[in-house]
PDB file of N, CA and C in Angstrom:
ATOM      1  N   LEU A   1      -1.855   0.674  -0.067  1.00  0.00           N
ATOM      2  CA  LEU A   1      -1.256   0.556   1.242  1.00  0.00           C
ATOM      3  C   LEU A   1       0.217   0.837   1.078  1.00  0.00           C
ATOM      4  N   TYR A   2       0.724   1.864   1.838  1.00  0.00           N
ATOM      5  CA  TYR A   2       2.180   2.086   1.750  1.00  0.00           C
ATOM      6  C   TYR A   2       2.905   1.164   2.512  1.00  0.00           C
ATOM      7  N   PRO A   3       3.947   0.716   2.009  1.00  0.00           N
ATOM      8  CA  PRO A   3       4.773  -0.465   2.615  1.00  0.00           C
ATOM      9  C   PRO A   3       5.484  -0.176   3.940  1.00  0.00           C
ATOM     10  N   ASP A   4       5.760   1.052   4.175  1.00  0.00           N
ATOM     11  CA  ASP A   4       6.709   1.467   5.425  1.00  0.00           C
ATOM     12  C   ASP A   4       6.058   2.668   6.088  1.00  0.00           C
ATOM     13  N   PRO A   5       6.210   2.685   7.502  1.00  0.00           N
ATOM     14  CA  PRO A   5       5.791   3.865   8.274  1.00  0.00           C
ATOM     15  C   PRO A   5       6.596   5.033   8.057  1.00  0.00           C
ATOM     16  N   VAL A   6       6.300   5.833   7.070  1.00  0.00           N
ATOM     17  CA  VAL A   6       7.047   7.146   6.924  1.00  0.00           C
ATOM     18  C   VAL A   6       6.005   8.359   6.838  1.00  0.00           C
ATOM     19  N   LYS A   7       6.725   9.472   6.773  1.00  0.00           N
ATOM     20  CA  LYS A   7       5.840  10.639   6.679  1.00  0.00           C
ATOM     21  C   LYS A   7       4.729  10.639   5.670  1.00  0.00           C
ATOM     22  N   VAL A   8       3.631  11.218   5.931  1.00  0.00           N
ATOM     23  CA  VAL A   8       2.511  11.305   4.980  1.00  0.00           C
ATOM     24  C   VAL A   8       2.885  12.052   3.678  1.00  0.00           C
ATOM     25  N   ALA A   9       3.732  13.030   3.594  1.00  0.00           N
ATOM     26  CA  ALA A   9       4.188  13.607   2.484  1.00  0.00           C
ATOM     27  C   ALA A   9       4.792  12.608   1.412  1.00  0.00           C
ATOM     28  N   LYS A  10       5.723  11.826   2.050  1.00  0.00           N
ATOM     29  CA  LYS A  10       6.284  10.919   1.165  1.00  0.00           C
ATOM     30  C   LYS A  10       5.377   9.830   0.634  1.00  0.00           C
ATOM     31  N   GLN A  11       4.417   9.534   1.466  1.00  0.00           N
ATOM     32  CA  GLN A  11       3.406   8.477   0.930  1.00  0.00           C
ATOM     33  C   GLN A  11       2.563   9.142  -0.290  1.00  0.00           C
ATOM     34  N   PHE A  12       2.316  10.445  -0.021  1.00  0.00           N
ATOM     35  CA  PHE A  12       1.491  11.157  -1.138  1.00  0.00           C
ATOM     36  C   PHE A  12       2.264  11.103  -2.418  1.00  0.00           C
ATOM     37  N   LYS A  13       3.648  11.395  -2.302  1.00  0.00           N
ATOM     38  CA  LYS A  13       4.479  11.496  -3.498  1.00  0.00           C
ATOM     39  C   LYS A  13       4.514  10.148  -4.123  1.00  0.00           C
ATOM     40  N   TYR A  14       4.547   9.064  -3.320  1.00  0.00           N
ATOM     41  CA  TYR A  14       4.593   7.662  -3.791  1.00  0.00           C
ATOM     42  C   TYR A  14       3.320   7.327  -4.611  1.00  0.00           C
ATOM     43  N   ALA A  15       2.110   7.707  -3.938  1.00  0.00           N
ATOM     44  CA  ALA A  15       0.863   7.516  -4.773  1.00  0.00           C
ATOM     45  C   ALA A  15       0.796   8.384  -6.131  1.00  0.00           C
ATOM     46  N   ASP A  16       1.228   9.607  -5.999  1.00  0.00           N
ATOM     47  CA  ASP A  16       1.252  10.515  -7.175  1.00  0.00           C
ATOM     48  C   ASP A  16       2.019   9.855  -8.266  1.00  0.00           C
ATOM     49  N   LYS A  17       3.236   9.526  -8.003  1.00  0.00           N
ATOM     50  CA  LYS A  17       4.145   8.884  -8.930  1.00  0.00           C
ATOM     51  C   LYS A  17       3.612   7.616  -9.755  1.00  0.00           C
ATOM     52  N   ARG A  18       2.659   6.996  -9.029  1.00  0.00           N
ATOM     53  CA  ARG A  18       2.023   5.693  -9.446  1.00  0.00           C
ATOM     54  C   ARG A  18       0.692   6.004 -10.074  1.00  0.00           C
ATOM     55  N   GLY A  19       0.286   7.205 -10.190  1.00  0.00           N
ATOM     56  CA  GLY A  19      -0.952   7.650 -10.853  1.00  0.00           C
ATOM     57  C   GLY A  19      -2.184   7.153  -9.933  1.00  0.00           C
ATOM     58  N   ILE A  20      -1.981   7.008  -8.722  1.00  0.00           N
ATOM     59  CA  ILE A  20      -3.213   6.727  -7.892  1.00  0.00           C
ATOM     60  C   ILE A  20      -4.036   7.835  -7.737  1.00  0.00           C
ATOM     61  N   PRO A  21      -5.377   7.735  -8.073  1.00  0.00           N
ATOM     62  CA  PRO A  21      -6.223   8.903  -8.129  1.00  0.00           C
ATOM     63  C   PRO A  21      -6.736   9.473  -6.759  1.00  0.00           C
ATOM     64  N   PHE A  22      -6.813   8.517  -5.781  1.00  0.00           N
ATOM     65  CA  PHE A  22      -7.310   8.794  -4.353  1.00  0.00           C
ATOM     66  C   PHE A  22      -6.541   8.181  -3.308  1.00  0.00           C
ATOM     67  N   VAL A  23      -6.245   8.760  -2.242  1.00  0.00           N
ATOM     68  CA  VAL A  23      -5.752   8.296  -1.179  1.00  0.00           C
ATOM     69  C   VAL A  23      -6.491   8.375   0.045  1.00  0.00           C
ATOM     70  N   ILE A  24      -6.711   7.176   0.675  1.00  0.00           N
ATOM     71  CA  ILE A  24      -7.459   7.131   1.893  1.00  0.00           C
ATOM     72  C   ILE A  24      -6.744   7.241   3.147  1.00  0.00           C
ATOM     73  N   LEU A  25      -7.026   8.178   4.024  1.00  0.00           N
ATOM     74  CA  LEU A  25      -6.362   8.380   5.347  1.00  0.00           C
ATOM     75  C   LEU A  25      -7.177   7.921   6.525  1.00  0.00           C
ATOM     76  N   ILE A  26      -6.502   6.982   7.221  1.00  0.00           N
ATOM     77  CA  ILE A  26      -7.176   6.527   8.306  1.00  0.00           C
ATOM     78  C   ILE A  26      -6.035   6.503   9.453  1.00  0.00           C
ATOM     79  N   GLY A  27      -5.936   7.583  10.262  1.00  0.00           N
ATOM     80  CA  GLY A  27      -5.001   7.782  11.313  1.00  0.00           C
ATOM     81  C   GLY A  27      -5.708   7.679  12.666  1.00  0.00           C
ATOM     82  N   ALA A  28      -5.017   7.908  13.721  1.00  0.00           N
ATOM     83  CA  ALA A  28      -5.564   7.831  15.152  1.00  0.00           C
ATOM     84  C   ALA A  28      -6.647   8.797  15.300  1.00  0.00           C
ATOM     85  N   ASP A  29      -6.632   9.953  14.670  1.00  0.00           N
ATOM     86  CA  ASP A  29      -7.765  10.867  14.864  1.00  0.00           C
ATOM     87  C   ASP A  29      -9.050  10.429  14.152  1.00  0.00           C
ATOM     88  N   GLU A  30      -8.872   9.822  12.900  1.00  0.00           N
ATOM     89  CA  GLU A  30     -10.047   9.336  12.185  1.00  0.00           C
ATOM     90  C   GLU A  30     -10.485   8.026  12.881  1.00  0.00           C
ATOM     91  N   LEU A  31      -9.723   7.251  13.466  1.00  0.00           N
ATOM     92  CA  LEU A  31     -10.280   6.035  13.998  1.00  0.00           C
ATOM     93  C   LEU A  31     -10.977   6.413  15.292  1.00  0.00           C
ATOM     94  N   ARG A  32     -10.455   7.550  15.986  1.00  0.00           N
ATOM     95  CA  ARG A  32     -11.184   7.947  17.356  1.00  0.00           C
ATOM     96  C   ARG A  32     -12.611   8.484  16.892  1.00  0.00           C
ATOM     97  N   GLU A  33     -12.620   9.247  15.806  1.00  0.00           N
ATOM     98  CA  GLU A  33     -13.955   9.853  15.365  1.00  0.00           C
ATOM     99  C   GLU A  33     -14.701   9.062  14.577  1.00  0.00           C
ATOM    100  N   GLY A  34     -14.261   7.712  14.237  1.00  0.00           N
ATOM    101  CA  GLY A  34     -15.015   6.835  13.341  1.00  0.00           C
ATOM    102  C   GLY A  34     -15.101   7.366  12.045  1.00  0.00           C
ATOM    103  N   GLN A  35     -14.204   7.942  11.372  1.00  0.00           N
ATOM    104  CA  GLN A  35     -14.190   8.544  10.090  1.00  0.00           C
ATOM    105  C   GLN A  35     -12.900   8.019   9.154  1.00  0.00           C
ATOM    106  N   PHE A  36     -12.998   8.299   8.003  1.00  0.00           N
ATOM    107  CA  PHE A  36     -11.894   8.245   7.037  1.00  0.00           C
ATOM    108  C   PHE A  36     -11.848   9.391   6.178  1.00  0.00           C
ATOM    109  N   THR A  37     -10.714   9.814   5.811  1.00  0.00           N
ATOM    110  CA  THR A  37     -10.565  11.121   4.874  1.00  0.00           C
ATOM    111  C   THR A  37     -10.088  10.500   3.511  1.00  0.00           C
ATOM    112  N   VAL A  38     -10.632  11.194   2.477  1.00  0.00           N
ATOM    113  CA  VAL A  38     -10.288  10.671   1.105  1.00  0.00           C
ATOM    114  C   VAL A  38      -9.598  11.987   0.466  1.00  0.00           C
ATOM    115  N   LYS A  39      -8.453  11.906  -0.034  1.00  0.00           N
ATOM    116  CA  LYS A  39      -7.778  12.962  -0.804  1.00  0.00           C
ATOM    117  C   LYS A  39      -7.788  12.653  -2.179  1.00  0.00           C
ATOM    118  N   ASP A  40      -8.237  13.620  -3.123  1.00  0.00           N
ATOM    119  CA  ASP A  40      -8.187  13.493  -4.489  1.00  0.00           C
ATOM    120  C   ASP A  40      -6.780  13.973  -4.874  1.00  0.00           C
ATOM    121  N   MET A  41      -6.063  13.040  -5.384  1.00  0.00           N
ATOM    122  CA  MET A  41      -4.699  13.379  -5.801  1.00  0.00           C
ATOM    123  C   MET A  41      -4.530  14.500  -6.919  1.00  0.00           C
ATOM    124  N   LYS A  42      -5.463  14.483  -7.793  1.00  0.00           N
ATOM    125  CA  LYS A  42      -5.364  15.450  -8.922  1.00  0.00           C
ATOM    126  C   LYS A  42      -5.793  16.886  -8.490  1.00  0.00           C
ATOM    127  N   SER A  43      -6.919  16.955  -7.687  1.00  0.00           N
ATOM    128  CA  SER A  43      -7.346  18.373  -7.300  1.00  0.00           C
ATOM    129  C   SER A  43      -6.820  18.782  -5.938  1.00  0.00           C
ATOM    130  N   GLY A  44      -6.387  17.780  -5.063  1.00  0.00           N
ATOM    131  CA  GLY A  44      -5.880  18.005  -3.719  1.00  0.00           C
ATOM    132  C   GLY A  44      -7.015  18.199  -2.740  1.00  0.00           C
ATOM    133  N   HIS A  45      -8.347  18.117  -3.226  1.00  0.00           N
ATOM    134  CA  HIS A  45      -9.493  18.370  -2.458  1.00  0.00           C
ATOM    135  C   HIS A  45      -9.522  17.144  -1.386  1.00  0.00           C
ATOM    136  N   GLN A  46      -9.790  17.276  -0.158  1.00  0.00           N
ATOM    137  CA  GLN A  46      -9.918  16.229   0.720  1.00  0.00           C
ATOM    138  C   GLN A  46     -11.489  16.282   1.340  1.00  0.00           C
ATOM    139  N   GLN A  47     -11.924  15.085   1.589  1.00  0.00           N
ATOM    140  CA  GLN A  47     -13.349  15.018   2.106  1.00  0.00           C
ATOM    141  C   GLN A  47     -13.369  13.979   3.241  1.00  0.00           C
ATOM    142  N   THR A  48     -14.044  14.083   4.231  1.00  0.00           N
ATOM    143  CA  THR A  48     -14.135  13.251   5.312  1.00  0.00           C
ATOM    144  C   THR A  48     -15.503  12.479   5.328  1.00  0.00           C
ATOM    145  N   TYR A  49     -15.548  11.212   5.590  1.00  0.00           N
ATOM    146  CA  TYR A  49     -16.725  10.506   5.579  1.00  0.00           C
ATOM    147  C   TYR A  49     -16.767   9.644   6.860  1.00  0.00           C
ATOM    148  N   ALA A  50     -17.981   9.443   7.342  1.00  0.00           N
ATOM    149  CA  ALA A  50     -18.121   8.421   8.434  1.00  0.00           C
ATOM    150  C   ALA A  50     -17.886   7.046   8.039  1.00  0.00           C
ATOM    151  N   MET A  51     -17.274   6.297   8.891  1.00  0.00           N
ATOM    152  CA  MET A  51     -16.923   4.912   8.541  1.00  0.00           C
ATOM    153  C   MET A  51     -18.141   4.122   7.869  1.00  0.00           C
ATOM    154  N   GLU A  52     -19.318   4.336   8.506  1.00  0.00           N
ATOM    155  CA  GLU A  52     -20.524   3.721   7.946  1.00  0.00           C
ATOM    156  C   GLU A  52     -21.172   4.240   6.638  1.00  0.00           C
ATOM    157  N   ASP A  53     -20.486   5.294   6.200  1.00  0.00           N
ATOM    158  CA  ASP A  53     -20.826   5.855   4.969  1.00  0.00           C
ATOM    159  C   ASP A  53     -19.945   5.700   3.884  1.00  0.00           C
ATOM    160  N   TRP A  54     -19.159   4.525   3.972  1.00  0.00           N
ATOM    161  CA  TRP A  54     -18.191   4.160   2.823  1.00  0.00           C
ATOM    162  C   TRP A  54     -18.838   4.020   1.542  1.00  0.00           C
ATOM    163  N   GLU A  55     -20.108   3.688   1.372  1.00  0.00           N
ATOM    164  CA  GLU A  55     -20.773   3.457   0.230  1.00  0.00           C
ATOM    165  C   GLU A  55     -20.829   4.792  -0.618  1.00  0.00           C
ATOM    166  N   ALA A  56     -21.053   5.909   0.344  1.00  0.00           N
ATOM    167  CA  ALA A  56     -20.996   7.257  -0.365  1.00  0.00           C
ATOM    168  C   ALA A  56     -19.829   7.661  -1.148  1.00  0.00           C
ATOM    169  N   PHE A  57     -18.684   7.256  -0.551  1.00  0.00           N
ATOM    170  CA  PHE A  57     -17.399   7.338  -1.226  1.00  0.00           C
ATOM    171  C   PHE A  57     -17.333   6.440  -2.605  1.00  0.00           C
ATOM    172  N   ALA A  58     -17.773   5.144  -2.378  1.00  0.00           N
ATOM    173  CA  ALA A  58     -17.744   4.235  -3.327  1.00  0.00           C
ATOM    174  C   ALA A  58     -18.588   4.668  -4.520  1.00  0.00           C
ATOM    175  N   THR A  59     -19.786   5.253  -4.208  1.00  0.00           N
ATOM    176  CA  THR A  59     -20.704   5.658  -5.261  1.00  0.00           C
ATOM    177  C   THR A  59     -19.964   6.782  -6.172  1.00  0.00           C
ATOM    178  N   ARG A  60     -19.227   7.609  -5.294  1.00  0.00           N
ATOM    179  CA  ARG A  60     -18.606   8.717  -5.983  1.00  0.00           C
ATOM    180  C   ARG A  60     -17.621   8.245  -7.032  1.00  0.00           C
ATOM    181  N   LEU A  61     -16.858   7.222  -6.691  1.00  0.00           N
ATOM    182  CA  LEU A  61     -15.934   6.576  -7.594  1.00  0.00           C
ATOM    183  C   LEU A  61     -16.506   6.040  -8.839  1.00  0.00           C
ATOM    184  N   ASN A  62     -17.584   5.443  -8.756  1.00  0.00           N
ATOM    185  CA  ASN A  62     -18.203   4.860  -9.887  1.00  0.00           C
ATOM    186  C   ASN A  62     -19.020   5.802 -10.801  1.00  0.00           C
ATOM    187  N   SER A  63     -19.050   7.170 -10.346  1.00  0.00           N
ATOM    188  CA  SER A  63     -19.849   8.125 -11.200  1.00  0.00           C
ATOM    189  C   SER A  63     -19.031   8.928 -12.105  1.00  0.00           C
TER     190      SER A  63
END
């Protein structure tokens, strides 16, 4: 959780400097659609999941 409301690019830089492997994005659009987006900080790949499918993401982390 980033401590201050700043631009997303600054938040990504913060996560990258700390070696955080994945960032979960939940903004107004995601909330409206019932989704969350996961960004792989190493590859830059992003994938969107339905809120009820959080287990699919958790399983991916454990594999």
